[in-house]
Amino acid sequence: NERVTLDNYFYNPSLIKQKKRKLKLEKEHLRIQNNLTNKFIRNFFRLEFHFNNINISSIPMELDEFMNIYINDFVESNNKVLNQIVNQDQNIKKC
């Protein structure tokens, strides 16, 4: 058995390697999480652009850690295809 000293504990190459690997994985996890969060926010901005009933007042970390969205009654989209999809029920012939 090897005697454990402070030098062995602080300068142990295998421990240093493990810590580096752990830090690398944590950094990668944060990068992936950041990308997913940004994509999620961009999707809401797309909805806000196409639909007149959505208003995004703040995104996370702008004012606080929340995304604040106000949704009003739907009137009409600025996209014809989306309007047709939303109004699909009205376009179907009923028996």
C-alpha atoms as a PDB file:
ATOM      1  CA  ASN A   1       0.000   0.000   0.000  1.00  0.00           C
ATOM      2  CA  GLU A   2       1.122   3.460  -0.870  1.00  0.00           C
ATOM      3  CA  ARG A   3       1.204   5.956   1.930  1.00  0.00           C
ATOM      4  CA  VAL A   4      -1.184   8.871   1.303  1.00  0.00           C
ATOM      5  CA  THR A   5       0.442  12.247   1.766  1.00  0.00           C
ATOM      6  CA  LEU A   6      -0.713  15.729   0.895  1.00  0.00           C
ATOM      7  CA  ASP A   7       1.540  15.695  -2.148  1.00  0.00           C
ATOM      8  CA  ASN A   8       0.011  12.438  -3.359  1.00  0.00           C
ATOM      9  CA  TYR A   9      -3.498  13.717  -2.751  1.00  0.00           C
ATOM     10  CA  PHE A  10      -3.173  17.102  -4.439  1.00  0.00           C
ATOM     11  CA  TYR A  11      -0.861  16.089  -7.261  1.00  0.00           C
ATOM     12  CA  ASN A  12      -2.215  12.651  -8.010  1.00  0.00           C
ATOM     13  CA  PRO A  13      -2.303  12.402 -11.828  1.00  0.00           C
ATOM     14  CA  SER A  14      -5.290  10.048 -11.880  1.00  0.00           C
ATOM     15  CA  LEU A  15      -7.318  12.374  -9.631  1.00  0.00           C
ATOM     16  CA  ILE A  16      -6.375  15.343 -11.790  1.00  0.00           C
ATOM     17  CA  LYS A  17      -7.411  13.411 -14.891  1.00  0.00           C
ATOM     18  CA  GLN A  18     -10.766  12.496 -13.315  1.00  0.00           C
ATOM     19  CA  LYS A  19     -11.410  16.112 -12.316  1.00  0.00           C
ATOM     20  CA  LYS A  20     -10.563  17.333 -15.813  1.00  0.00           C
ATOM     21  CA  ARG A  21     -12.896  14.755 -17.336  1.00  0.00           C
ATOM     22  CA  LYS A  22     -15.680  15.753 -14.953  1.00  0.00           C
ATOM     23  CA  LEU A  23     -15.194  19.457 -15.726  1.00  0.00           C
ATOM     24  CA  LYS A  24     -15.229  18.723 -19.444  1.00  0.00           C
ATOM     25  CA  LEU A  25     -18.511  16.792 -19.127  1.00  0.00           C
ATOM     26  CA  GLU A  26     -20.077  19.552 -17.034  1.00  0.00           C
ATOM     27  CA  LYS A  27     -19.014  22.158 -19.573  1.00  0.00           C
ATOM     28  CA  GLU A  28     -20.492  20.091 -22.415  1.00  0.00           C
ATOM     29  CA  HIS A  29     -23.716  19.628 -20.464  1.00  0.00           C
ATOM     30  CA  LEU A  30     -23.995  23.398 -19.932  1.00  0.00           C
ATOM     31  CA  ARG A  31     -23.364  24.028 -23.630  1.00  0.00           C
ATOM     32  CA  ILE A  32     -26.104  21.581 -24.650  1.00  0.00           C
ATOM     33  CA  GLN A  33     -28.528  23.003 -22.077  1.00  0.00           C
ATOM     34  CA  ASN A  34     -27.818  26.539 -23.256  1.00  0.00           C
ATOM     35  CA  ASN A  35     -28.473  25.556 -26.887  1.00  0.00           C
ATOM     36  CA  LEU A  36     -31.757  23.862 -25.972  1.00  0.00           C
ATOM     37  CA  THR A  37     -32.903  26.857 -23.946  1.00  0.00           C
ATOM     38  CA  ASN A  38     -32.041  29.277 -26.746  1.00  0.00           C
ATOM     39  CA  LYS A  39     -33.894  27.131 -29.277  1.00  0.00           C
ATOM     40  CA  PHE A  40     -36.934  27.008 -27.011  1.00  0.00           C
ATOM     41  CA  ILE A  41     -36.921  30.810 -26.693  1.00  0.00           C
ATOM     42  CA  ARG A  42     -36.504  31.277 -30.468  1.00  0.00           C
ATOM     43  CA  ASN A  43     -39.549  29.066 -31.044  1.00  0.00           C
ATOM     44  CA  PHE A  44     -41.640  31.383 -28.891  1.00  0.00           C
ATOM     45  CA  PHE A  45     -40.340  34.400 -30.806  1.00  0.00           C
ATOM     46  CA  ARG A  46     -41.432  32.691 -34.033  1.00  0.00           C
ATOM     47  CA  LEU A  47     -44.890  32.152 -32.576  1.00  0.00           C
ATOM     48  CA  GLU A  48     -45.003  35.769 -31.468  1.00  0.00           C
ATOM     49  CA  PHE A  49     -44.081  36.871 -34.986  1.00  0.00           C
ATOM     50  CA  HIS A  50     -46.714  34.737 -36.731  1.00  0.00           C
ATOM     51  CA  PHE A  51     -49.582  35.116 -34.284  1.00  0.00           C
ATOM     52  CA  ASN A  52     -50.911  38.408 -33.064  1.00  0.00           C
ATOM     53  CA  ASN A  53     -52.112  37.076 -29.726  1.00  0.00           C
ATOM     54  CA  ILE A  54     -48.725  36.337 -28.132  1.00  0.00           C
ATOM     55  CA  ASN A  55     -46.612  38.943 -26.404  1.00  0.00           C
ATOM     56  CA  ILE A  56     -43.261  38.043 -24.838  1.00  0.00           C
ATOM     57  CA  SER A  57     -42.514  40.633 -22.183  1.00  0.00           C
ATOM     58  CA  SER A  58     -39.224  39.158 -20.952  1.00  0.00           C
ATOM     59  CA  ILE A  59     -36.950  36.198 -21.498  1.00  0.00           C
ATOM     60  CA  PRO A  60     -35.027  34.296 -18.806  1.00  0.00           C
ATOM     61  CA  MET A  61     -32.220  36.270 -17.168  1.00  0.00           C
ATOM     62  CA  GLU A  62     -33.411  39.528 -18.675  1.00  0.00           C
ATOM     63  CA  LEU A  63     -35.434  40.611 -15.635  1.00  0.00           C
ATOM     64  CA  ASP A  64     -35.552  37.397 -13.656  1.00  0.00           C
ATOM     65  CA  GLU A  65     -35.168  33.676 -14.300  1.00  0.00           C
ATOM     66  CA  PHE A  66     -38.598  33.351 -15.926  1.00  0.00           C
ATOM     67  CA  MET A  67     -39.952  33.810 -19.419  1.00  0.00           C
ATOM     68  CA  ASN A  68     -43.018  36.038 -19.261  1.00  0.00           C
ATOM     69  CA  ILE A  69     -45.565  35.510 -22.015  1.00  0.00           C
ATOM     70  CA  TYR A  70     -49.013  37.023 -22.402  1.00  0.00           C
ATOM     71  CA  ILE A  71     -51.511  35.183 -24.583  1.00  0.00           C
ATOM     72  CA  ASN A  72     -54.663  36.955 -25.764  1.00  0.00           C
ATOM     73  CA  ASP A  73     -57.569  35.656 -27.829  1.00  0.00           C
ATOM     74  CA  PHE A  74     -56.480  34.576 -31.282  1.00  0.00           C
ATOM     75  CA  VAL A  75     -57.604  36.891 -34.075  1.00  0.00           C
ATOM     76  CA  GLU A  76     -55.496  36.154 -37.111  1.00  0.00           C
ATOM     77  CA  SER A  77     -52.008  35.157 -38.160  1.00  0.00           C
ATOM     78  CA  ASN A  78     -49.828  37.011 -40.644  1.00  0.00           C
ATOM     79  CA  ASN A  79     -49.323  33.693 -42.434  1.00  0.00           C
ATOM     80  CA  LYS A  80     -52.044  32.340 -44.762  1.00  0.00           C
ATOM     81  CA  VAL A  81     -51.131  28.689 -44.251  1.00  0.00           C
ATOM     82  CA  LEU A  82     -51.230  29.049 -40.484  1.00  0.00           C
ATOM     83  CA  ASN A  83     -54.601  30.773 -40.746  1.00  0.00           C
ATOM     84  CA  GLN A  84     -55.951  27.842 -42.754  1.00  0.00           C
ATOM     85  CA  ILE A  85     -54.676  25.374 -40.182  1.00  0.00           C
ATOM     86  CA  VAL A  86     -56.131  27.333 -37.262  1.00  0.00           C
ATOM     87  CA  ASN A  87     -59.452  27.743 -39.073  1.00  0.00           C
ATOM     88  CA  GLN A  88     -59.492  24.125 -40.226  1.00  0.00           C
ATOM     89  CA  ASP A  89     -62.621  23.389 -38.254  1.00  0.00           C
ATOM     90  CA  GLN A  90     -64.504  26.052 -40.200  1.00  0.00           C
ATOM     91  CA  ASN A  91     -63.235  24.681 -43.525  1.00  0.00           C
ATOM     92  CA  ILE A  92     -64.502  21.134 -42.922  1.00  0.00           C
ATOM     93  CA  LYS A  93     -67.917  20.298 -44.336  1.00  0.00           C
ATOM     94  CA  LYS A  94     -70.192  19.070 -41.618  1.00  0.00           C
ATOM     95  CA  CYS A  95     -72.854  16.465 -42.258  1.00  0.00           C
END
